[in-house]
PDB file of N, CA and C in Angstrom:
ATOM      1  N   GLU A   1     -58.833 -13.612 -11.066  1.00  0.00           N
ATOM      2  CA  GLU A   1     -59.592 -14.832 -10.953  1.00  0.00           C
ATOM      3  C   GLU A   1     -60.407 -15.007 -12.240  1.00  0.00           C
ATOM      4  N   SER A   2     -60.278 -16.146 -12.870  1.00  0.00           N
ATOM      5  CA  SER A   2     -61.018 -16.379 -14.109  1.00  0.00           C
ATOM      6  C   SER A   2     -62.355 -17.063 -13.813  1.00  0.00           C
ATOM      7  N   VAL A   3     -63.315 -16.758 -14.641  1.00  0.00           N
ATOM      8  CA  VAL A   3     -64.648 -17.330 -14.500  1.00  0.00           C
ATOM      9  C   VAL A   3     -64.935 -18.178 -15.731  1.00  0.00           C
ATOM     10  N   ILE A   4     -65.367 -19.383 -15.494  1.00  0.00           N
ATOM     11  CA  ILE A   4     -65.721 -20.257 -16.610  1.00  0.00           C
ATOM     12  C   ILE A   4     -67.215 -20.110 -16.858  1.00  0.00           C
ATOM     13  N   GLU A   5     -67.564 -19.650 -18.025  1.00  0.00           N
ATOM     14  CA  GLU A   5     -68.968 -19.420 -18.361  1.00  0.00           C
ATOM     15  C   GLU A   5     -69.696 -20.732 -18.642  1.00  0.00           C
ATOM     16  N   GLY A   6     -69.028 -21.678 -19.183  1.00  0.00           N
ATOM     17  CA  GLY A   6     -69.653 -22.952 -19.529  1.00  0.00           C
ATOM     18  C   GLY A   6     -68.649 -23.832 -20.231  1.00  0.00           C
ATOM     19  N   SER A   7     -68.976 -25.058 -20.323  1.00  0.00           N
ATOM     20  CA  SER A   7     -68.094 -25.975 -21.028  1.00  0.00           C
ATOM     21  C   SER A   7     -68.954 -27.025 -21.711  1.00  0.00           C
ATOM     22  N   GLU A   8     -68.345 -27.736 -22.616  1.00  0.00           N
ATOM     23  CA  GLU A   8     -69.069 -28.751 -23.359  1.00  0.00           C
ATOM     24  C   GLU A   8     -68.268 -30.041 -23.350  1.00  0.00           C
ATOM     25  N   PHE A   9     -68.970 -31.123 -23.172  1.00  0.00           N
ATOM     26  CA  PHE A   9     -68.343 -32.443 -23.158  1.00  0.00           C
ATOM     27  C   PHE A   9     -69.148 -33.329 -24.082  1.00  0.00           C
ATOM     28  N   GLU A  10     -68.511 -33.881 -25.071  1.00  0.00           N
ATOM     29  CA  GLU A  10     -69.213 -34.752 -26.011  1.00  0.00           C
ATOM     30  C   GLU A  10     -68.571 -36.131 -25.978  1.00  0.00           C
ATOM     31  N   LEU A  11     -69.356 -37.102 -25.639  1.00  0.00           N
ATOM     32  CA  LEU A  11     -68.886 -38.480 -25.550  1.00  0.00           C
ATOM     33  C   LEU A  11     -69.247 -39.211 -26.831  1.00  0.00           C
ATOM     34  N   HIS A  12     -68.269 -39.854 -27.430  1.00  0.00           N
ATOM     35  CA  HIS A  12     -68.516 -40.663 -28.625  1.00  0.00           C
ATOM     36  C   HIS A  12     -68.377 -42.132 -28.253  1.00  0.00           C
ATOM     37  N   VAL A  13     -69.240 -42.925 -28.824  1.00  0.00           N
ATOM     38  CA  VAL A  13     -69.231 -44.363 -28.595  1.00  0.00           C
ATOM     39  C   VAL A  13     -68.753 -45.029 -29.881  1.00  0.00           C
ATOM     40  N   VAL A  14     -67.790 -45.910 -29.735  1.00  0.00           N
ATOM     41  CA  VAL A  14     -67.257 -46.629 -30.886  1.00  0.00           C
ATOM     42  C   VAL A  14     -67.533 -48.110 -30.674  1.00  0.00           C
ATOM     43  N   ARG A  15     -68.159 -48.718 -31.664  1.00  0.00           N
ATOM     44  CA  ARG A  15     -68.474 -50.151 -31.599  1.00  0.00           C
ATOM     45  C   ARG A  15     -67.951 -50.820 -32.853  1.00  0.00           C
ATOM     46  N   SER A  16     -67.740 -52.111 -32.738  1.00  0.00           N
ATOM     47  CA  SER A  16     -67.350 -52.874 -33.925  1.00  0.00           C
ATOM     48  C   SER A  16     -68.241 -54.097 -34.034  1.00  0.00           C
ATOM     49  N   SER A  17     -68.548 -54.462 -35.265  1.00  0.00           N
ATOM     50  CA  SER A  17     -69.371 -55.640 -35.516  1.00  0.00           C
ATOM     51  C   SER A  17     -68.483 -56.867 -35.573  1.00  0.00           C
ATOM     52  N   GLU A  18     -69.102 -58.033 -35.611  1.00  0.00           N
ATOM     53  CA  GLU A  18     -68.326 -59.278 -35.713  1.00  0.00           C
ATOM     54  C   GLU A  18     -67.512 -59.304 -36.996  1.00  0.00           C
ATOM     55  N   GLY A  19     -68.001 -58.615 -38.026  1.00  0.00           N
ATOM     56  CA  GLY A  19     -67.287 -58.569 -39.306  1.00  0.00           C
ATOM     57  C   GLY A  19     -66.157 -57.563 -39.330  1.00  0.00           C
ATOM     58  N   GLY A  20     -65.974 -56.806 -38.245  1.00  0.00           N
ATOM     59  CA  GLY A  20     -64.876 -55.852 -38.171  1.00  0.00           C
ATOM     60  C   GLY A  20     -65.237 -54.432 -38.559  1.00  0.00           C
ATOM     61  N   THR A  21     -66.476 -54.186 -38.956  1.00  0.00           N
ATOM     62  CA  THR A  21     -66.907 -52.837 -39.286  1.00  0.00           C
ATOM     63  C   THR A  21     -66.996 -52.012 -38.003  1.00  0.00           C
ATOM     64  N   VAL A  22     -66.445 -50.803 -38.049  1.00  0.00           N
ATOM     65  CA  VAL A  22     -66.425 -49.938 -36.876  1.00  0.00           C
ATOM     66  C   VAL A  22     -67.448 -48.819 -37.061  1.00  0.00           C
ATOM     67  N   TYR A  23     -68.236 -48.585 -36.005  1.00  0.00           N
ATOM     68  CA  TYR A  23     -69.252 -47.539 -36.004  1.00  0.00           C
ATOM     69  C   TYR A  23     -68.931 -46.549 -34.899  1.00  0.00           C
ATOM     70  N   GLU A  24     -69.046 -45.269 -35.197  1.00  0.00           N
ATOM     71  CA  GLU A  24     -68.872 -44.236 -34.177  1.00  0.00           C
ATOM     72  C   GLU A  24     -70.143 -43.396 -34.137  1.00  0.00           C
ATOM     73  N   ASP A  25     -70.589 -43.091 -32.941  1.00  0.00           N
ATOM     74  CA  ASP A  25     -71.816 -42.318 -32.783  1.00  0.00           C
ATOM     75  C   ASP A  25     -71.754 -41.574 -31.458  1.00  0.00           C
ATOM     76  N   THR A  26     -72.739 -40.735 -31.205  1.00  0.00           N
ATOM     77  CA  THR A  26     -72.820 -40.029 -29.933  1.00  0.00           C
ATOM     78  C   THR A  26     -73.804 -40.748 -29.015  1.00  0.00           C
ATOM     79  N   VAL A  27     -73.740 -40.432 -27.743  1.00  0.00           N
ATOM     80  CA  VAL A  27     -74.610 -41.054 -26.750  1.00  0.00           C
ATOM     81  C   VAL A  27     -76.084 -40.782 -27.062  1.00  0.00           C
ATOM     82  N   ALA A  28     -76.369 -39.651 -27.667  1.00  0.00           N
ATOM     83  CA  ALA A  28     -77.759 -39.285 -27.969  1.00  0.00           C
ATOM     84  C   ALA A  28     -78.441 -40.323 -28.863  1.00  0.00           C
ATOM     85  N   HIS A  29     -77.673 -41.061 -29.638  1.00  0.00           N
ATOM     86  CA  HIS A  29     -78.254 -42.038 -30.555  1.00  0.00           C
ATOM     87  C   HIS A  29     -78.296 -43.453 -29.988  1.00  0.00           C
ATOM     88  N   LEU A  30     -77.882 -43.624 -28.738  1.00  0.00           N
ATOM     89  CA  LEU A  30     -77.971 -44.929 -28.102  1.00  0.00           C
ATOM     90  C   LEU A  30     -79.408 -45.192 -27.650  1.00  0.00           C
ATOM     91  N   SER A  31     -79.721 -46.453 -27.429  1.00  0.00           N
ATOM     92  CA  SER A  31     -81.038 -46.779 -26.895  1.00  0.00           C
ATOM     93  C   SER A  31     -81.131 -46.273 -25.451  1.00  0.00           C
ATOM     94  N   GLU A  32     -82.345 -46.219 -24.930  1.00  0.00           N
ATOM     95  CA  GLU A  32     -82.539 -45.746 -23.561  1.00  0.00           C
ATOM     96  C   GLU A  32     -81.764 -46.600 -22.563  1.00  0.00           C
ATOM     97  N   SER A  33     -81.786 -47.915 -22.735  1.00  0.00           N
ATOM     98  CA  SER A  33     -81.071 -48.787 -21.801  1.00  0.00           C
ATOM     99  C   SER A  33     -79.559 -48.628 -21.942  1.00  0.00           C
ATOM    100  N   GLU A  34     -79.072 -48.407 -23.169  1.00  0.00           N
ATOM    101  CA  GLU A  34     -77.636 -48.181 -23.354  1.00  0.00           C
ATOM    102  C   GLU A  34     -77.203 -46.873 -22.689  1.00  0.00           C
ATOM    103  N   ARG A  35     -78.023 -45.846 -22.799  1.00  0.00           N
ATOM    104  CA  ARG A  35     -77.703 -44.573 -22.128  1.00  0.00           C
ATOM    105  C   ARG A  35     -77.721 -44.740 -20.616  1.00  0.00           C
ATOM    106  N   ALA A  36     -78.672 -45.514 -20.101  1.00  0.00           N
ATOM    107  CA  ALA A  36     -78.752 -45.742 -18.653  1.00  0.00           C
ATOM    108  C   ALA A  36     -77.502 -46.453 -18.146  1.00  0.00           C
ATOM    109  N   VAL A  37     -77.063 -47.472 -18.860  1.00  0.00           N
ATOM    110  CA  VAL A  37     -75.872 -48.217 -18.447  1.00  0.00           C
ATOM    111  C   VAL A  37     -74.629 -47.334 -18.557  1.00  0.00           C
ATOM    112  N   THR A  38     -74.524 -46.554 -19.615  1.00  0.00           N
ATOM    113  CA  THR A  38     -73.379 -45.646 -19.783  1.00  0.00           C
ATOM    114  C   THR A  38     -73.340 -44.626 -18.647  1.00  0.00           C
ATOM    115  N   GLY A  39     -74.482 -44.049 -18.309  1.00  0.00           N
ATOM    116  CA  GLY A  39     -74.547 -43.092 -17.200  1.00  0.00           C
ATOM    117  C   GLY A  39     -74.167 -43.731 -15.884  1.00  0.00           C
ATOM    118  N   LEU A  40     -74.638 -44.956 -15.661  1.00  0.00           N
ATOM    119  CA  LEU A  40     -74.310 -45.676 -14.432  1.00  0.00           C
ATOM    120  C   LEU A  40     -72.809 -45.921 -14.324  1.00  0.00           C
ATOM    121  N   VAL A  41     -72.192 -46.331 -15.412  1.00  0.00           N
ATOM    122  CA  VAL A  41     -70.746 -46.594 -15.406  1.00  0.00           C
ATOM    123  C   VAL A  41     -69.972 -45.326 -15.065  1.00  0.00           C
ATOM    124  N   PHE A  42     -70.342 -44.194 -15.665  1.00  0.00           N
ATOM    125  CA  PHE A  42     -69.651 -42.942 -15.374  1.00  0.00           C
ATOM    126  C   PHE A  42     -69.877 -42.511 -13.928  1.00  0.00           C
ATOM    127  N   ALA A  43     -71.099 -42.653 -13.438  1.00  0.00           N
ATOM    128  CA  ALA A  43     -71.394 -42.258 -12.054  1.00  0.00           C
ATOM    129  C   ALA A  43     -70.615 -43.117 -11.063  1.00  0.00           C
ATOM    130  N   LEU A  44     -70.587 -44.422 -11.282  1.00  0.00           N
ATOM    131  CA  LEU A  44     -69.874 -45.305 -10.361  1.00  0.00           C
ATOM    132  C   LEU A  44     -68.368 -45.086 -10.428  1.00  0.00           C
ATOM    133  N   ALA A  45     -67.851 -44.871 -11.625  1.00  0.00           N
ATOM    134  CA  ALA A  45     -66.413 -44.591 -11.757  1.00  0.00           C
ATOM    135  C   ALA A  45     -66.065 -43.293 -11.038  1.00  0.00           C
ATOM    136  N   GLY A  46     -66.893 -42.275 -11.196  1.00  0.00           N
ATOM    137  CA  GLY A  46     -66.661 -41.007 -10.511  1.00  0.00           C
ATOM    138  C   GLY A  46     -66.723 -41.162  -9.006  1.00  0.00           C
ATOM    139  N   TYR A  47     -67.659 -41.964  -8.514  1.00  0.00           N
ATOM    140  CA  TYR A  47     -67.771 -42.222  -7.072  1.00  0.00           C
ATOM    141  C   TYR A  47     -66.466 -42.790  -6.526  1.00  0.00           C
ATOM    142  N   LEU A  48     -65.883 -43.725  -7.270  1.00  0.00           N
ATOM    143  CA  LEU A  48     -64.634 -44.353  -6.821  1.00  0.00           C
ATOM    144  C   LEU A  48     -63.434 -43.431  -6.981  1.00  0.00           C
ATOM    145  N   VAL A  49     -63.291 -42.834  -8.141  1.00  0.00           N
ATOM    146  CA  VAL A  49     -62.117 -42.014  -8.451  1.00  0.00           C
ATOM    147  C   VAL A  49     -62.015 -40.800  -7.539  1.00  0.00           C
ATOM    148  N   HIS A  50     -63.152 -40.216  -7.206  1.00  0.00           N
ATOM    149  CA  HIS A  50     -63.141 -38.997  -6.396  1.00  0.00           C
ATOM    150  C   HIS A  50     -63.358 -39.272  -4.909  1.00  0.00           C
ATOM    151  N   ASP A  51     -63.243 -40.540  -4.498  1.00  0.00           N
ATOM    152  CA  ASP A  51     -63.358 -40.924  -3.088  1.00  0.00           C
ATOM    153  C   ASP A  51     -64.604 -40.342  -2.425  1.00  0.00           C
ATOM    154  N   VAL A  52     -65.713 -40.410  -3.106  1.00  0.00           N
ATOM    155  CA  VAL A  52     -66.967 -39.851  -2.605  1.00  0.00           C
ATOM    156  C   VAL A  52     -67.392 -40.545  -1.312  1.00  0.00           C
ATOM    157  N   ALA A  53     -67.040 -41.810  -1.142  1.00  0.00           N
ATOM    158  CA  ALA A  53     -67.427 -42.558   0.059  1.00  0.00           C
ATOM    159  C   ALA A  53     -66.921 -41.898   1.340  1.00  0.00           C
ATOM    160  N   GLU A  54     -65.846 -41.112   1.240  1.00  0.00           N
ATOM    161  CA  GLU A  54     -65.335 -40.420   2.422  1.00  0.00           C
ATOM    162  C   GLU A  54     -66.317 -39.355   2.910  1.00  0.00           C
ATOM    163  N   GLN A  55     -67.047 -38.729   1.993  1.00  0.00           N
ATOM    164  CA  GLN A  55     -68.012 -37.685   2.348  1.00  0.00           C
ATOM    165  C   GLN A  55     -69.450 -38.212   2.375  1.00  0.00           C
ATOM    166  N   VAL A  56     -69.747 -39.151   1.481  1.00  0.00           N
ATOM    167  CA  VAL A  56     -71.091 -39.718   1.364  1.00  0.00           C
ATOM    168  C   VAL A  56     -70.953 -41.245   1.403  1.00  0.00           C
ATOM    169  N   PRO A  57     -71.017 -41.840   2.598  1.00  0.00           N
ATOM    170  CA  PRO A  57     -70.766 -43.287   2.725  1.00  0.00           C
ATOM    171  C   PRO A  57     -71.979 -44.154   2.392  1.00  0.00           C
ATOM    172  N   PHE A  58     -72.870 -43.637   1.540  1.00  0.00           N
ATOM    173  CA  PHE A  58     -74.121 -44.321   1.233  1.00  0.00           C
ATOM    174  C   PHE A  58     -74.320 -44.312  -0.277  1.00  0.00           C
ATOM    175  N   MET A  59     -74.751 -45.454  -0.820  1.00  0.00           N
ATOM    176  CA  MET A  59     -75.056 -45.515  -2.249  1.00  0.00           C
ATOM    177  C   MET A  59     -76.375 -46.256  -2.426  1.00  0.00           C
ATOM    178  N   LEU A  60     -77.232 -45.703  -3.274  1.00  0.00           N
ATOM    179  CA  LEU A  60     -78.501 -46.332  -3.627  1.00  0.00           C
ATOM    180  C   LEU A  60     -78.481 -46.611  -5.119  1.00  0.00           C
ATOM    181  N   LEU A  61     -78.629 -47.863  -5.486  1.00  0.00           N
ATOM    182  CA  LEU A  61     -78.699 -48.250  -6.891  1.00  0.00           C
ATOM    183  C   LEU A  61     -80.124 -48.691  -7.188  1.00  0.00           C
ATOM    184  N   ASP A  62     -80.710 -48.112  -8.218  1.00  0.00           N
ATOM    185  CA  ASP A  62     -82.082 -48.419  -8.596  1.00  0.00           C
ATOM    186  C   ASP A  62     -82.158 -48.428 -10.119  1.00  0.00           C
ATOM    187  N   SER A  63     -83.220 -48.994 -10.641  1.00  0.00           N
ATOM    188  CA  SER A  63     -83.464 -49.032 -12.086  1.00  0.00           C
ATOM    189  C   SER A  63     -82.334 -49.724 -12.839  1.00  0.00           C
ATOM    190  N   LEU A  64     -81.932 -50.866 -12.354  1.00  0.00           N
ATOM    191  CA  LEU A  64     -80.843 -51.621 -12.978  1.00  0.00           C
ATOM    192  C   LEU A  64     -81.341 -52.657 -13.986  1.00  0.00           C
ATOM    193  N   GLU A  65     -82.593 -52.551 -14.399  1.00  0.00           N
ATOM    194  CA  GLU A  65     -83.191 -53.551 -15.268  1.00  0.00           C
ATOM    195  C   GLU A  65     -82.483 -53.702 -16.612  1.00  0.00           C
ATOM    196  N   ALA A  66     -81.721 -52.701 -17.027  1.00  0.00           N
ATOM    197  CA  ALA A  66     -81.016 -52.774 -18.307  1.00  0.00           C
ATOM    198  C   ALA A  66     -79.801 -53.696 -18.238  1.00  0.00           C
ATOM    199  N   ILE A  67     -79.464 -54.152 -17.040  1.00  0.00           N
ATOM    200  CA  ILE A  67     -78.298 -55.025 -16.842  1.00  0.00           C
ATOM    201  C   ILE A  67     -78.814 -56.411 -16.468  1.00  0.00           C
ATOM    202  N   ASP A  68     -78.165 -57.444 -16.977  1.00  0.00           N
ATOM    203  CA  ASP A  68     -78.611 -58.799 -16.641  1.00  0.00           C
ATOM    204  C   ASP A  68     -78.250 -59.144 -15.198  1.00  0.00           C
ATOM    205  N   ALA A  69     -78.952 -60.143 -14.651  1.00  0.00           N
ATOM    206  CA  ALA A  69     -78.844 -60.495 -13.232  1.00  0.00           C
ATOM    207  C   ALA A  69     -77.424 -60.849 -12.806  1.00  0.00           C
ATOM    208  N   GLU A  70     -76.682 -61.560 -13.649  1.00  0.00           N
ATOM    209  CA  GLU A  70     -75.304 -61.937 -13.291  1.00  0.00           C
ATOM    210  C   GLU A  70     -74.419 -60.709 -13.143  1.00  0.00           C
ATOM    211  N   ARG A  71     -74.569 -59.748 -14.038  1.00  0.00           N
ATOM    212  CA  ARG A  71     -73.755 -58.523 -13.954  1.00  0.00           C
ATOM    213  C   ARG A  71     -74.182 -57.657 -12.772  1.00  0.00           C
ATOM    214  N   ILE A  72     -75.481 -57.631 -12.474  1.00  0.00           N
ATOM    215  CA  ILE A  72     -75.948 -56.907 -11.293  1.00  0.00           C
ATOM    216  C   ILE A  72     -75.318 -57.511 -10.045  1.00  0.00           C
ATOM    217  N   ALA A  73     -75.308 -58.836  -9.953  1.00  0.00           N
ATOM    218  CA  ALA A  73     -74.712 -59.514  -8.799  1.00  0.00           C
ATOM    219  C   ALA A  73     -73.230 -59.165  -8.673  1.00  0.00           C
ATOM    220  N   ALA A  74     -72.512 -59.138  -9.787  1.00  0.00           N
ATOM    221  CA  ALA A  74     -71.090 -58.782  -9.759  1.00  0.00           C
ATOM    222  C   ALA A  74     -70.902 -57.323  -9.337  1.00  0.00           C
ATOM    223  N   LEU A  75     -71.768 -56.441  -9.829  1.00  0.00           N
ATOM    224  CA  LEU A  75     -71.708 -55.023  -9.459  1.00  0.00           C
ATOM    225  C   LEU A  75     -71.948 -54.845  -7.968  1.00  0.00           C
ATOM    226  N   VAL A  76     -72.960 -55.512  -7.439  1.00  0.00           N
ATOM    227  CA  VAL A  76     -73.267 -55.421  -6.010  1.00  0.00           C
ATOM    228  C   VAL A  76     -72.108 -55.974  -5.191  1.00  0.00           C
ATOM    229  N   GLU A  77     -71.558 -57.098  -5.602  1.00  0.00           N
ATOM    230  CA  GLU A  77     -70.427 -57.697  -4.873  1.00  0.00           C
ATOM    231  C   GLU A  77     -69.242 -56.734  -4.834  1.00  0.00           C
ATOM    232  N   TYR A  78     -68.947 -56.103  -5.960  1.00  0.00           N
ATOM    233  CA  TYR A  78     -67.829 -55.171  -6.013  1.00  0.00           C
ATOM    234  C   TYR A  78     -68.072 -53.964  -5.119  1.00  0.00           C
ATOM    235  N   PHE A  79     -69.230 -53.327  -5.248  1.00  0.00           N
ATOM    236  CA  PHE A  79     -69.484 -52.105  -4.492  1.00  0.00           C
ATOM    237  C   PHE A  79     -69.759 -52.367  -3.026  1.00  0.00           C
ATOM    238  N   ALA A  80     -70.133 -53.568  -2.658  1.00  0.00           N
ATOM    239  CA  ALA A  80     -70.311 -53.902  -1.240  1.00  0.00           C
ATOM    240  C   ALA A  80     -68.992 -53.740  -0.486  1.00  0.00           C
ATOM    241  N   ASP A  81     -67.877 -53.929  -1.184  1.00  0.00           N
ATOM    242  CA  ASP A  81     -66.561 -53.749  -0.574  1.00  0.00           C
ATOM    243  C   ASP A  81     -66.086 -52.296  -0.627  1.00  0.00           C
ATOM    244  N   GLU A  82     -66.695 -51.474  -1.474  1.00  0.00           N
ATOM    245  CA  GLU A  82     -66.241 -50.097  -1.689  1.00  0.00           C
ATOM    246  C   GLU A  82     -67.069 -49.049  -0.946  1.00  0.00           C
ATOM    247  N   VAL A  83     -68.317 -49.391  -0.602  1.00  0.00           N
ATOM    248  CA  VAL A  83     -69.249 -48.428  -0.027  1.00  0.00           C
ATOM    249  C   VAL A  83     -69.695 -48.928   1.345  1.00  0.00           C
ATOM    250  N   PRO A  84     -69.568 -48.107   2.384  1.00  0.00           N
ATOM    251  CA  PRO A  84     -69.987 -48.564   3.712  1.00  0.00           C
ATOM    252  C   PRO A  84     -71.460 -48.976   3.792  1.00  0.00           C
ATOM    253  N   TYR A  85     -72.341 -48.218   3.117  1.00  0.00           N
ATOM    254  CA  TYR A  85     -73.771 -48.526   3.152  1.00  0.00           C
ATOM    255  C   TYR A  85     -74.294 -48.577   1.719  1.00  0.00           C
ATOM    256  N   LEU A  86     -74.681 -49.758   1.270  1.00  0.00           N
ATOM    257  CA  LEU A  86     -75.149 -49.969  -0.092  1.00  0.00           C
ATOM    258  C   LEU A  86     -76.569 -50.512  -0.059  1.00  0.00           C
ATOM    259  N   VAL A  87     -77.482 -49.825  -0.742  1.00  0.00           N
ATOM    260  CA  VAL A  87     -78.864 -50.270  -0.870  1.00  0.00           C
ATOM    261  C   VAL A  87     -79.132 -50.438  -2.360  1.00  0.00           C
ATOM    262  N   VAL A  88     -79.699 -51.588  -2.725  1.00  0.00           N
ATOM    263  CA  VAL A  88     -79.964 -51.878  -4.125  1.00  0.00           C
ATOM    264  C   VAL A  88     -81.421 -52.287  -4.269  1.00  0.00           C
ATOM    265  N   ALA A  89     -82.156 -51.595  -5.126  1.00  0.00           N
ATOM    266  CA  ALA A  89     -83.553 -51.939  -5.404  1.00  0.00           C
ATOM    267  C   ALA A  89     -83.577 -52.822  -6.649  1.00  0.00           C
ATOM    268  N   LEU A  90     -84.059 -54.052  -6.487  1.00  0.00           N
ATOM    269  CA  LEU A  90     -84.027 -55.015  -7.589  1.00  0.00           C
ATOM    270  C   LEU A  90     -85.370 -55.682  -7.803  1.00  0.00           C
ATOM    271  N   LEU A  91     -85.593 -56.114  -9.021  1.00  0.00           N
ATOM    272  CA  LEU A  91     -86.723 -56.979  -9.311  1.00  0.00           C
ATOM    273  C   LEU A  91     -86.457 -58.336  -8.677  1.00  0.00           C
ATOM    274  N   PRO A  92     -87.488 -59.073  -8.298  1.00  0.00           N
ATOM    275  CA  PRO A  92     -87.277 -60.378  -7.643  1.00  0.00           C
ATOM    276  C   PRO A  92     -86.356 -61.319  -8.429  1.00  0.00           C
ATOM    277  N   GLU A  93     -86.514 -61.363  -9.754  1.00  0.00           N
ATOM    278  CA  GLU A  93     -85.672 -62.267 -10.546  1.00  0.00           C
ATOM    279  C   GLU A  93     -84.206 -61.847 -10.559  1.00  0.00           C
ATOM    280  N   ASP A  94     -83.922 -60.541 -10.452  1.00  0.00           N
ATOM    281  CA  ASP A  94     -82.532 -60.079 -10.368  1.00  0.00           C
ATOM    282  C   ASP A  94     -81.972 -60.308  -8.972  1.00  0.00           C
ATOM    283  N   ALA A  95     -82.803 -60.102  -7.956  1.00  0.00           N
ATOM    284  CA  ALA A  95     -82.372 -60.322  -6.566  1.00  0.00           C
ATOM    285  C   ALA A  95     -82.038 -61.788  -6.318  1.00  0.00           C
ATOM    286  N   ALA A  96     -82.677 -62.686  -7.048  1.00  0.00           N
ATOM    287  CA  ALA A  96     -82.431 -64.121  -6.877  1.00  0.00           C
ATOM    288  C   ALA A  96     -80.990 -64.495  -7.222  1.00  0.00           C
ATOM    289  N   ALA A  97     -80.310 -63.683  -8.029  1.00  0.00           N
ATOM    290  CA  ALA A  97     -78.927 -63.967  -8.414  1.00  0.00           C
ATOM    291  C   ALA A  97     -77.930 -63.587  -7.327  1.00  0.00           C
ATOM    292  N   LEU A  98     -78.387 -62.854  -6.306  1.00  0.00           N
ATOM    293  CA  LEU A  98     -77.491 -62.448  -5.223  1.00  0.00           C
ATOM    294  C   LEU A  98     -77.426 -63.534  -4.150  1.00  0.00           C
ATOM    295  N   PRO A  99     -76.295 -63.668  -3.484  1.00  0.00           N
ATOM    296  CA  PRO A  99     -76.193 -64.653  -2.396  1.00  0.00           C
ATOM    297  C   PRO A  99     -77.160 -64.334  -1.265  1.00  0.00           C
ATOM    298  N   ASP A 100     -77.589 -65.345  -0.549  1.00  0.00           N
ATOM    299  CA  ASP A 100     -78.507 -65.172   0.581  1.00  0.00           C
ATOM    300  C   ASP A 100     -77.865 -64.415   1.744  1.00  0.00           C
ATOM    301  N   SER A 101     -76.568 -64.226   1.713  1.00  0.00           N
ATOM    302  CA  SER A 101     -75.878 -63.544   2.810  1.00  0.00           C
ATOM    303  C   SER A 101     -76.229 -62.055   2.888  1.00  0.00           C
ATOM    304  N   TYR A 102     -76.775 -61.470   1.816  1.00  0.00           N
ATOM    305  CA  TYR A 102     -77.170 -60.059   1.841  1.00  0.00           C
ATOM    306  C   TYR A 102     -78.492 -59.905   2.570  1.00  0.00           C
ATOM    307  N   ASP A 103     -78.597 -58.859   3.394  1.00  0.00           N
ATOM    308  CA  ASP A 103     -79.865 -58.536   4.050  1.00  0.00           C
ATOM    309  C   ASP A 103     -80.855 -58.094   2.990  1.00  0.00           C
ATOM    310  N   ARG A 104     -82.121 -58.474   3.162  1.00  0.00           N
ATOM    311  CA  ARG A 104     -83.151 -58.139   2.176  1.00  0.00           C
ATOM    312  C   ARG A 104     -84.379 -57.556   2.848  1.00  0.00           C
ATOM    313  N   VAL A 105     -84.973 -56.595   2.182  1.00  0.00           N
ATOM    314  CA  VAL A 105     -86.273 -56.066   2.569  1.00  0.00           C
ATOM    315  C   VAL A 105     -87.216 -56.472   1.440  1.00  0.00           C
ATOM    316  N   ARG A 106     -88.168 -57.307   1.752  1.00  0.00           N
ATOM    317  CA  ARG A 106     -89.027 -57.856   0.696  1.00  0.00           C
ATOM    318  C   ARG A 106     -90.356 -57.129   0.559  1.00  0.00           C
ATOM    319  N   ASN A 107     -90.880 -56.575   1.648  1.00  0.00           N
ATOM    320  CA  ASN A 107     -92.169 -55.911   1.622  1.00  0.00           C
ATOM    321  C   ASN A 107     -92.037 -54.528   2.233  1.00  0.00           C
ATOM    322  N   ILE A 108     -92.256 -53.522   1.433  1.00  0.00           N
ATOM    323  CA  ILE A 108     -92.173 -52.147   1.923  1.00  0.00           C
ATOM    324  C   ILE A 108     -93.590 -51.593   2.007  1.00  0.00           C
ATOM    325  N   GLY A 109     -93.906 -50.995   3.132  1.00  0.00           N
ATOM    326  CA  GLY A 109     -95.194 -50.349   3.277  1.00  0.00           C
ATOM    327  C   GLY A 109     -96.316 -51.277   3.695  1.00  0.00           C
ATOM    328  N   GLN A 110     -96.002 -52.516   3.999  1.00  0.00           N
ATOM    329  CA  GLN A 110     -97.036 -53.455   4.472  1.00  0.00           C
ATOM    330  C   GLN A 110     -96.820 -53.700   5.944  1.00  0.00           C
ATOM    331  N   SER A 111     -97.904 -53.862   6.669  1.00  0.00           N
ATOM    332  CA  SER A 111     -97.780 -54.127   8.095  1.00  0.00           C
ATOM    333  C   SER A 111     -97.235 -55.540   8.307  1.00  0.00           C
ATOM    334  N   GLN A 112     -96.675 -55.784   9.474  1.00  0.00           N
ATOM    335  CA  GLN A 112     -96.082 -57.071   9.787  1.00  0.00           C
ATOM    336  C   GLN A 112     -97.105 -58.201   9.763  1.00  0.00           C
ATOM    337  N   SER A 113     -98.385 -57.889  10.005  1.00  0.00           N
ATOM    338  CA  SER A 113     -99.396 -58.949  10.083  1.00  0.00           C
ATOM    339  C   SER A 113     -99.824 -59.458   8.707  1.00  0.00           C
ATOM    340  N   GLN A 114     -99.441 -58.781   7.632  1.00  0.00           N
ATOM    341  CA  GLN A 114     -99.847 -59.209   6.293  1.00  0.00           C
ATOM    342  C   GLN A 114     -98.941 -60.248   5.726  1.00  0.00           C
TER     343      GLN A 114
END
């Protein structure tokens, strides 16, 4: 039986400018929001590819501020069909882009009389 002591994975990002210049860099040099979006994409892809919903039928998405409201709405629409239980924490302006058909919790921790 072999034992793996450790492994290394290095992700490179390649971008091109409108003028056709190509830039290659590592994730460490991306902005905080770019790293957040990259991590989210890998996590969501892994959730789908590895059929995680069969074992964990719940997904919580939070801190999506790095993505614009239209893309958040598209992401929620897509994963609503893929995940049995989906909870998304959004800023009011991002939540406004979602259809009214989604259930919403607007006040957490406040009594009903407030």
